[in-house]
Protein backbone atom coordinates (compact mmCIF):
# COMPACT_ATOMS: atom_id res chain seq x y z
CA MET A 1 -0.08 0.17 0.09
CA SER A 2 1.66 3.34 -1.05
CA PRO A 3 0.73 6.64 0.69
CA VAL A 4 -1.89 7.84 -2.29
CA ASP A 5 -3.25 4.02 -1.82
CA ILE A 6 -4.55 4.58 1.94
CA ASN A 7 -8.28 4.41 1.62
CA LEU A 8 -9.56 3.80 4.97
CA THR A 9 -13.06 2.20 5.26
CA ALA A 10 -15.14 5.22 5.69
CA ASP A 11 -17.93 3.71 7.92
CA LEU A 12 -16.03 2.10 10.68
CA PRO A 13 -17.79 3.40 13.74
CA GLN A 14 -16.75 6.27 16.02
CA LEU A 15 -17.52 6.87 19.64
CA ASP A 16 -18.08 10.51 20.91
CA ASN A 17 -20.29 9.81 24.27
CA TYR A 18 -17.22 10.69 26.48
CA LEU A 19 -19.25 10.44 29.31
CA GLN A 20 -20.22 6.88 28.78
CA LEU A 21 -16.86 5.83 28.13
CA PHE A 22 -15.84 6.98 31.72
CA ALA A 23 -18.94 6.24 33.37
CA SER A 24 -19.00 2.47 32.40
CA ASN A 25 -15.30 1.81 32.62
CA THR A 26 -14.75 1.18 28.83
CA PRO A 27 -11.64 -0.73 28.15
CA LEU A 28 -9.26 1.40 25.94
CA ILE A 29 -6.53 0.79 23.67
CA ASP A 30 -4.15 3.76 23.24
CA VAL A 31 -2.32 3.19 20.09
CA ARG A 32 0.08 6.58 20.84
CA ALA A 33 3.71 5.95 21.34
CA PRO A 34 5.06 5.03 25.03
CA VAL A 35 6.29 8.24 25.46
CA GLU A 36 2.81 10.20 24.97
CA PHE A 37 1.08 7.27 27.22
CA ASN A 38 3.15 8.08 29.90
CA GLN A 39 2.78 11.70 29.76
CA GLY A 40 -0.89 11.06 30.79
CA ALA A 41 -3.70 8.33 30.09
CA PHE A 42 -6.69 6.88 31.24
CA PRO A 43 -7.17 4.42 33.87
CA THR A 44 -9.05 1.84 31.60
CA ALA A 45 -6.44 2.28 28.82
CA LYS A 46 -3.54 -0.36 27.59
CA ASN A 47 -0.71 1.26 25.44
CA LEU A 48 -0.65 -0.98 22.40
CA PRO A 49 1.24 1.63 20.19
CA LEU A 50 1.06 1.68 16.37
CA MET A 51 4.50 2.89 16.49
CA ASN A 52 7.21 2.76 19.28
CA ASP A 53 9.01 6.04 20.35
CA ASP A 54 11.92 5.71 17.71
CA GLU A 55 9.60 4.95 15.06
CA ARG A 56 7.23 8.05 15.93
CA GLN A 57 10.27 10.41 16.09
CA ALA A 58 11.64 9.39 12.78
CA VAL A 59 8.32 9.55 11.33
CA GLY A 60 7.76 13.26 12.81
CA LEU A 61 11.20 14.08 11.40
CA ARG A 62 10.22 13.12 8.02
CA TYR A 63 7.16 14.77 8.07
CA LYS A 64 8.63 18.13 8.95
CA GLN A 65 11.53 17.78 6.43
CA GLN A 66 9.54 16.34 3.50
CA GLY A 67 6.00 16.23 4.01
CA GLN A 68 3.13 14.10 4.61
CA ASP A 69 3.04 11.61 2.26
CA LYS A 70 6.94 10.84 2.51
CA ALA A 71 6.22 10.72 6.45
CA ILE A 72 3.45 7.95 5.86
CA LYS A 73 5.81 6.00 3.29
CA LEU A 74 8.42 5.74 6.06
CA GLY A 75 5.68 4.70 8.83
CA GLN A 76 4.64 1.95 6.29
CA GLN A 77 8.01 0.66 6.09
CA LEU A 78 8.92 0.74 9.90
CA VAL A 79 5.73 -0.77 10.78
CA SER A 80 5.46 -3.64 8.12
CA GLY A 81 5.96 -7.43 8.05
CA ASP A 82 6.68 -9.41 11.42
CA VAL A 83 6.52 -6.03 13.09
CA LYS A 84 3.23 -5.04 11.91
CA SER A 85 1.66 -8.66 12.29
CA ALA A 86 2.73 -8.65 15.92
CA ARG A 87 1.31 -5.41 16.64
CA ILE A 88 -2.07 -6.27 14.85
CA ASP A 89 -1.82 -9.51 16.99
CA ASP A 90 -1.73 -7.52 20.37
CA TRP A 91 -4.74 -5.43 19.03
CA VAL A 92 -6.63 -8.39 18.34
CA LYS A 93 -6.03 -10.00 21.40
CA PHE A 94 -7.31 -6.76 23.70
CA VAL A 95 -10.40 -6.84 21.07
CA ASN A 96 -11.28 -10.43 21.85
CA GLN A 97 -11.02 -9.88 25.67
CA HIS A 98 -12.73 -6.83 25.53
CA PRO A 99 -15.40 -6.81 22.89
CA HIS A 100 -16.90 -3.71 23.97
CA GLY A 101 -13.92 -1.43 24.18
CA ALA A 102 -12.67 1.18 21.99
CA LEU A 103 -9.28 2.70 20.60
CA TYR A 104 -7.89 6.05 20.20
CA CYS A 105 -4.58 8.00 18.78
CA PHE A 106 -4.01 11.52 19.77
CA ARG A 107 -6.46 13.34 17.69
CA GLY A 108 -8.70 10.52 16.53
CA GLY A 109 -6.91 10.84 13.01
CA LEU A 110 -4.83 8.80 10.82
CA ARG A 111 -3.23 6.31 13.60
CA SER A 112 -6.44 5.14 15.17
CA LYS A 113 -8.12 4.84 11.47
CA ILE A 114 -5.03 2.60 10.35
CA CYS A 115 -5.25 0.56 13.57
CA GLN A 116 -9.09 0.32 13.22
CA GLN A 117 -8.45 -0.69 9.42
CA TRP A 118 -5.89 -3.34 9.97
CA ILE A 119 -8.07 -4.76 12.90
CA TYR A 120 -11.28 -5.04 10.46
CA GLU A 121 -8.78 -6.59 7.67
CA LYS A 122 -7.53 -9.20 9.96
CA THR A 123 -10.86 -9.98 12.02
CA GLY A 124 -13.91 -8.68 10.05
CA LEU A 125 -14.85 -6.63 13.63
CA ALA A 126 -15.59 -3.04 13.38
CA TYR A 127 -14.05 -2.05 16.40
CA PRO A 128 -14.66 1.50 17.07
CA ARG A 129 -12.52 4.70 17.78
CA VAL A 130 -12.78 7.66 19.86
CA SER A 131 -13.98 10.69 17.81
CA GLY A 132 -11.28 13.22 18.77
CA GLY A 133 -8.97 10.80 20.50
CA TYR A 134 -7.08 11.73 23.54
CA LYS A 135 -7.20 15.48 23.12
CA ALA A 136 -10.86 15.27 23.10
CA LEU A 137 -11.20 12.88 26.12
CA ARG A 138 -8.58 15.01 27.92
CA ARG A 139 -10.48 18.26 27.21
CA PHE A 140 -13.80 16.60 28.27
CA LEU A 141 -12.41 15.37 31.84
CA ILE A 142 -10.90 19.00 32.40
CA ASP A 143 -14.26 20.71 31.91
CA GLU A 144 -16.28 17.79 33.77
CA LEU A 145 -13.79 18.20 36.80
CA ASP A 146 -14.61 21.95 36.88
CA ALA A 147 -18.36 21.42 36.41
CA ASN A 148 -18.72 18.58 39.07
CA THR A 149 -16.49 20.43 41.64
CA THR A 150 -19.47 23.11 41.39
CA ARG A 151 -22.36 20.93 40.64
CA LEU A 152 -21.81 18.54 43.70
CA LYS A 153 -22.14 19.86 47.22
CA SER A 154 -19.03 18.87 49.19
CA ILE A 155 -18.39 17.96 52.62
CA VAL A 156 -15.03 18.14 54.07
CA ILE A 157 -13.64 15.59 56.67
CA GLY A 158 -10.99 17.06 59.00
CA GLY A 159 -9.19 15.79 62.05
CA ARG A 160 -5.85 15.14 63.65
CA THR A 161 -3.45 12.79 62.12
CA GLY A 162 -4.57 8.93 62.60
CA VAL A 163 -8.14 9.48 63.39
CA GLY A 164 -9.05 7.30 60.55
CA LYS A 165 -10.37 9.74 58.05
CA THR A 166 -9.76 7.33 54.94
CA LEU A 167 -11.27 4.46 56.54
CA LEU A 168 -14.45 6.61 57.35
CA LEU A 169 -14.73 7.85 53.59
CA GLN A 170 -14.51 4.15 52.48
CA GLN A 171 -17.95 3.76 54.15
CA LEU A 172 -19.71 6.02 51.94
CA ASN A 173 -20.82 5.60 48.34
CA ASN A 174 -19.91 9.05 47.39
CA HIS A 175 -16.36 9.68 48.63
CA LEU A 176 -13.47 10.97 46.98
CA ASP A 177 -10.38 9.54 48.13
CA LEU A 178 -7.65 11.96 47.24
CA GLU A 179 -4.88 9.91 49.16
CA ASP A 180 -5.50 6.60 47.10
CA ILE A 181 -5.86 8.81 43.84
CA PHE A 182 -2.52 10.64 44.59
CA HIS A 183 -0.89 7.43 45.79
CA HIS A 184 0.24 9.29 48.85
CA ARG A 185 -0.96 9.47 52.49
CA GLY A 186 -0.84 13.00 52.82
CA SER A 187 1.61 13.79 55.31
CA ALA A 188 5.63 13.97 55.88
CA PHE A 189 5.56 10.49 56.16
CA GLY A 190 3.01 9.55 53.36
CA LYS A 191 5.47 8.37 50.35
CA HIS A 192 4.77 5.02 49.15
CA VAL A 193 7.72 3.07 47.96
CA THR A 194 6.24 3.38 44.35
CA PRO A 195 6.19 6.59 42.78
CA GLN A 196 3.21 8.74 42.34
CA PRO A 197 1.04 9.03 39.24
CA ALA A 198 1.85 11.83 36.68
CA GLN A 199 -0.06 14.84 37.28
CA ILE A 200 -2.19 14.52 34.38
CA ASP A 201 -3.14 10.91 35.38
CA ILE A 202 -4.23 12.34 38.86
CA GLU A 203 -6.18 14.94 37.26
CA ASN A 204 -7.85 12.52 34.80
CA ASN A 205 -8.84 10.14 37.67
CA LEU A 206 -10.12 12.97 40.01
CA SER A 207 -12.68 13.83 37.13
CA ILE A 208 -13.59 10.45 36.27
CA ARG A 209 -14.28 9.45 39.77
CA LEU A 210 -16.70 12.68 40.12
CA ILE A 211 -18.14 11.89 37.14
CA LYS A 212 -19.18 8.47 38.55
CA ILE A 213 -20.47 10.05 41.69
CA HIS A 214 -22.66 12.45 39.68
CA ASN A 215 -23.78 9.67 37.32
CA ASN A 216 -24.69 7.33 40.05
CA GLY A 217 -27.29 9.87 41.01
CA PHE A 218 -25.58 11.67 44.01
CA ASN A 219 -25.57 15.35 44.38
CA SER A 220 -22.87 15.47 47.06
CA CYS A 221 -19.34 14.36 47.66
CA VAL A 222 -17.22 13.80 50.63
CA LEU A 223 -13.30 14.17 50.61
CA GLU A 224 -10.44 14.54 53.08
CA ASP A 225 -9.21 17.98 54.04
CA GLU A 226 -5.78 18.24 52.46
CA ALA A 227 -3.16 20.73 51.59
CA SER A 228 -3.16 22.37 47.98
CA ASN A 229 -0.11 19.56 47.36
CA ILE A 230 -0.14 16.15 48.12
CA GLY A 231 3.26 14.86 47.95
CA SER A 232 4.91 16.06 44.69
CA ARG A 233 1.65 16.58 42.96
CA ARG A 234 -0.76 19.43 43.30
CA LEU A 235 -4.66 19.71 43.36
CA PRO A 236 -6.33 21.32 40.67
CA ASP A 237 -7.61 24.87 41.63
CA SER A 238 -11.26 24.07 41.66
CA LEU A 239 -10.50 21.53 44.34
CA VAL A 240 -8.28 23.84 46.10
CA HIS A 241 -11.31 26.21 46.25
CA VAL A 242 -13.47 23.45 47.56
CA LEU A 243 -11.40 22.42 50.26
CA SER A 244 -11.27 25.92 51.38
CA THR A 245 -14.77 26.94 51.41
CA SER A 246 -16.89 24.14 51.98
CA PRO A 247 -18.59 22.89 55.12
CA LEU A 248 -16.02 20.70 57.66
CA MET A 249 -16.96 18.05 59.78
CA VAL A 250 -14.27 17.14 62.40
CA LEU A 251 -13.52 13.60 63.23
CA GLU A 252 -12.45 12.80 66.71
CA ALA A 253 -10.64 9.54 68.21
CA LYS A 254 -8.68 8.68 71.49
CA MET A 255 -4.98 9.00 71.11
CA ILE A 256 -4.72 5.02 71.48
CA GLU A 257 -6.71 4.53 68.66
CA ARG A 258 -5.00 7.31 66.63
CA VAL A 259 -1.67 5.24 67.27
CA ASP A 260 -2.87 1.93 66.25
CA ASN A 261 -4.05 3.49 63.08
CA VAL A 262 -0.77 5.52 62.52
CA PHE A 263 1.03 2.10 63.30
CA ASP A 264 -0.99 -0.04 60.94
CA GLU A 265 -0.42 2.62 57.93
CA TYR A 266 3.24 3.33 58.57
CA ILE A 267 4.63 0.57 60.01
CA ASN A 268 2.78 -2.75 59.04
CA ALA A 269 1.31 -1.57 55.45
CA SER A 270 4.29 0.51 54.48
CA LEU A 271 7.08 -1.91 55.35
CA ALA A 272 4.91 -4.91 53.53
CA GLU A 273 4.93 -2.58 50.38
CA TYR A 274 8.97 -2.27 50.61
CA GLN A 275 9.17 -6.13 51.43
CA GLN A 276 7.05 -7.10 48.46
CA LEU A 277 9.18 -4.75 46.24
CA LYS A 278 12.38 -5.37 47.33
CA GLY A 279 12.40 -8.40 49.29
CA ASN A 280 12.63 -8.99 52.99
CA ASP A 281 15.81 -7.82 54.16
CA LYS A 282 16.40 -5.11 51.41
CA GLY A 283 13.06 -3.85 51.92
CA PHE A 284 13.32 -3.59 56.05
CA SER A 285 16.47 -1.71 55.63
CA ASP A 286 15.25 0.91 52.90
CA TRP A 287 12.08 1.28 55.02
CA ALA A 288 13.84 2.03 57.98
CA THR A 289 16.27 4.14 56.14
CA ASN A 290 13.37 5.98 54.85
CA LEU A 291 11.86 6.72 58.37
CA ILE A 292 14.86 8.36 59.54
CA GLU A 293 15.44 10.30 56.52
CA ILE A 294 11.67 11.81 56.61
CA LEU A 295 12.29 12.61 60.61
CA THR A 296 15.61 14.19 59.44
CA LYS A 297 13.93 16.41 56.97
CA ILE A 298 11.28 17.93 59.57
CA GLN A 299 14.06 18.35 62.27
CA ARG A 300 14.04 22.21 62.10
CA ARG A 301 10.23 22.07 62.66
CA LEU A 302 10.42 19.73 65.42
CA GLY A 303 13.34 21.74 67.21
CA GLY A 304 16.70 20.10 68.66
CA VAL A 305 14.96 18.70 71.82
CA ARG A 306 12.13 17.23 70.43
CA TYR A 307 14.03 15.92 67.38
CA LYS A 308 16.54 14.05 69.52
CA LYS A 309 13.71 12.58 71.74
CA ILE A 310 11.67 11.21 68.94
CA LYS A 311 15.04 10.12 66.87
CA GLY A 312 15.92 8.20 70.09
CA PHE A 313 12.80 6.33 70.34
CA MET A 314 12.71 5.59 66.70
CA ASP A 315 16.10 4.09 66.38
CA ASP A 316 15.44 1.80 69.46
CA ALA A 317 12.16 0.66 67.88
CA ILE A 318 13.97 -0.11 64.45
CA LEU A 319 16.73 -2.02 66.25
CA GLN A 320 13.97 -4.04 68.35
CA HIS A 321 12.27 -4.38 65.14
CA ARG A 322 15.28 -5.90 63.33
CA GLN A 323 16.87 -7.94 66.00
CA HIS A 324 13.76 -9.40 67.81
CA ASN A 325 10.92 -8.77 65.41
CA LYS A 326 9.13 -6.78 68.22
CA THR A 327 7.16 -3.81 66.23
CA LYS A 328 4.94 -2.40 69.26
CA CYS A 329 7.92 0.11 70.40
CA HIS A 330 7.23 1.97 67.14
CA LYS A 331 4.16 3.02 68.80
CA ILE A 332 6.20 5.28 71.48
CA TRP A 333 7.86 7.52 68.72
CA ILE A 334 4.49 7.72 66.70
CA GLN A 335 2.63 9.09 69.90
CA SER A 336 5.38 11.38 70.52
CA LEU A 337 5.18 12.54 67.07
CA LEU A 338 1.60 12.99 67.12
CA GLU A 339 1.89 14.98 70.32
CA ASP A 340 5.10 17.16 69.82
CA TYR A 341 4.67 17.84 65.93
CA TYR A 342 1.11 16.82 64.12
CA ASP A 343 -1.13 18.21 66.99
CA PRO A 344 0.04 21.42 67.40
CA MET A 345 0.36 21.99 63.49
CA TYR A 346 -3.17 20.63 63.16
CA ASP A 347 -4.89 22.66 65.72
CA TYR A 348 -3.23 25.86 64.72
CA GLN A 349 -4.71 25.28 60.96
CA LEU A 350 -8.18 24.34 62.61
CA GLN A 351 -8.38 27.58 64.38
CA LYS A 352 -8.50 29.34 60.93
CA LYS A 353 -11.20 27.22 59.77
CA ALA A 354 -13.41 27.34 62.81
CA GLU A 355 -16.20 29.20 61.12
CA ARG A 356 -16.86 26.37 58.71
CA ILE A 357 -17.14 23.56 61.20
CA ILE A 358 -20.61 22.06 61.26
CA PHE A 359 -20.08 19.03 63.42
CA LYS A 360 -17.46 17.07 65.62
CA GLY A 361 -17.72 13.68 66.79
CA ASP A 362 -16.14 10.18 66.50
CA ARG A 363 -16.52 7.98 63.90
CA THR A 364 -20.04 6.70 64.54
CA SER A 365 -21.68 9.98 64.86
CA VAL A 366 -19.67 11.58 62.00
CA LEU A 367 -20.85 8.70 59.75
CA ASP A 368 -24.10 8.92 60.97
CA CYS A 369 -24.57 12.50 60.17
CA LEU A 370 -22.67 12.04 56.90
CA LYS A 371 -25.55 9.63 55.71
CA ASN A 372 -28.11 11.65 56.85
CA ILE A 373 -27.14 14.79 54.49
CA THR A 374 -24.76 13.22 51.92
CA ASP A 375 -25.01 9.77 51.18
CA ARG A 376 -28.09 9.38 49.18
CA PRO A 377 -28.89 9.52 45.41
CA SER A 378 -30.61 12.65 44.12
CA THR A 379 -34.22 12.29 43.49
CA GLU A 380 -34.27 15.18 41.19
């Protein structure tokens, strides 16, 4: 097939109901190059590119130097024979696994049309492509993120570190779990062993989650109080506004419960992450080093005396843990950190939000209150 012979089937189907694509978790083939996919994609998309990064770069250079026809001809040369067959086989495998999916390229243009045509020629299946491609889907999600943060009434859950805000949110059908989407626990010690998603991926996931909340009939959303940055990623301006202006409910818990919650997250769960990825010995060593490095980073804010005290508790706990598999010693430095660092900082911040507080209570009372005012589908 020469460049002038590209006569793509005109009536192969296109999809333009973006809301339905995201609300129904439609499986998607992203045929862009890996470098494009890694910059931003969608949670149900799998990258099965028409061209790899080197091929895309070569074709793009040829396009700039010699025009479209020459670029298409080079693309056909690079993606031919066994290479072409292997890529078609990958698409066909996906199509067979996900017959109700779709495919897209950047703008819904030549790349996705070629993939759609080759799938049709191989199987006789008219697998749909997304009209407008990634660019249109991304624009839709940006617009919907802004619209839904206005459309949905938001309730913010605050509370001192360790009170169990995330555990409470997970009991609600209309919650927005920022820490899950950002892949970060939202504090100095909140970094996971694996990196955070790309900023674009986070924004896409935030928008999709809000779409699902609204599409399921809810007129409200419940989310945890967070700063404008979570880890090294930032919240969209529309969500920052929501967090700074919405009614606030304060979750309370006794110190022993808070220590246990922090212990479960930062000792048990975090260590398990490290060891699963790196093995028992290496995982423990890297996890312990990370704890010490984080404490060192907040040394100035702790002050010399408090830092020395907590560092001593932490060193002893790590030693007991490593040598005797005794973990409870970690609760000593955790409680000290809560009392000496997190609580004063939180209380100071809460004073500035006092006029927005509509309720305070333990998990049961806050959950009951939330379910009465938010956790019901809209009847409008």
